Amino acid sequence: MKYLIWLLVIVLAIWAFKRSRRVNSDAAQAQPPATPDTPANMAVCLHCGIHLPQDEAVTGEKGLYCSTEHRAVAQDRNPV
């Protein structure tokens, strides 16, 4: 019975040691939070007034629109 208690103490000590090393190594490998992207330039649809990123806007001769449908409703043409 005496050896069984010692074996249990040794197994628990090994388990605790391995667990603490694993937690510390996971914390060391964690990457720092990524820096946020720079804000995009925003454009306003001339038809509905919605704000959208400028690179997603549809260009017309009169200005920028959120979709080709709104460009067509505004009777604007695609610039050449």
Foldseek 3Di string as FASTA:
>chain_A
DVVVVVVVVVVVVVVVVVVVVVVVVVVVPDDPDDDDDDDADWDAAPQPGDIDGPVQWQAFPVGTHNDVVSCVVVVTHRDD
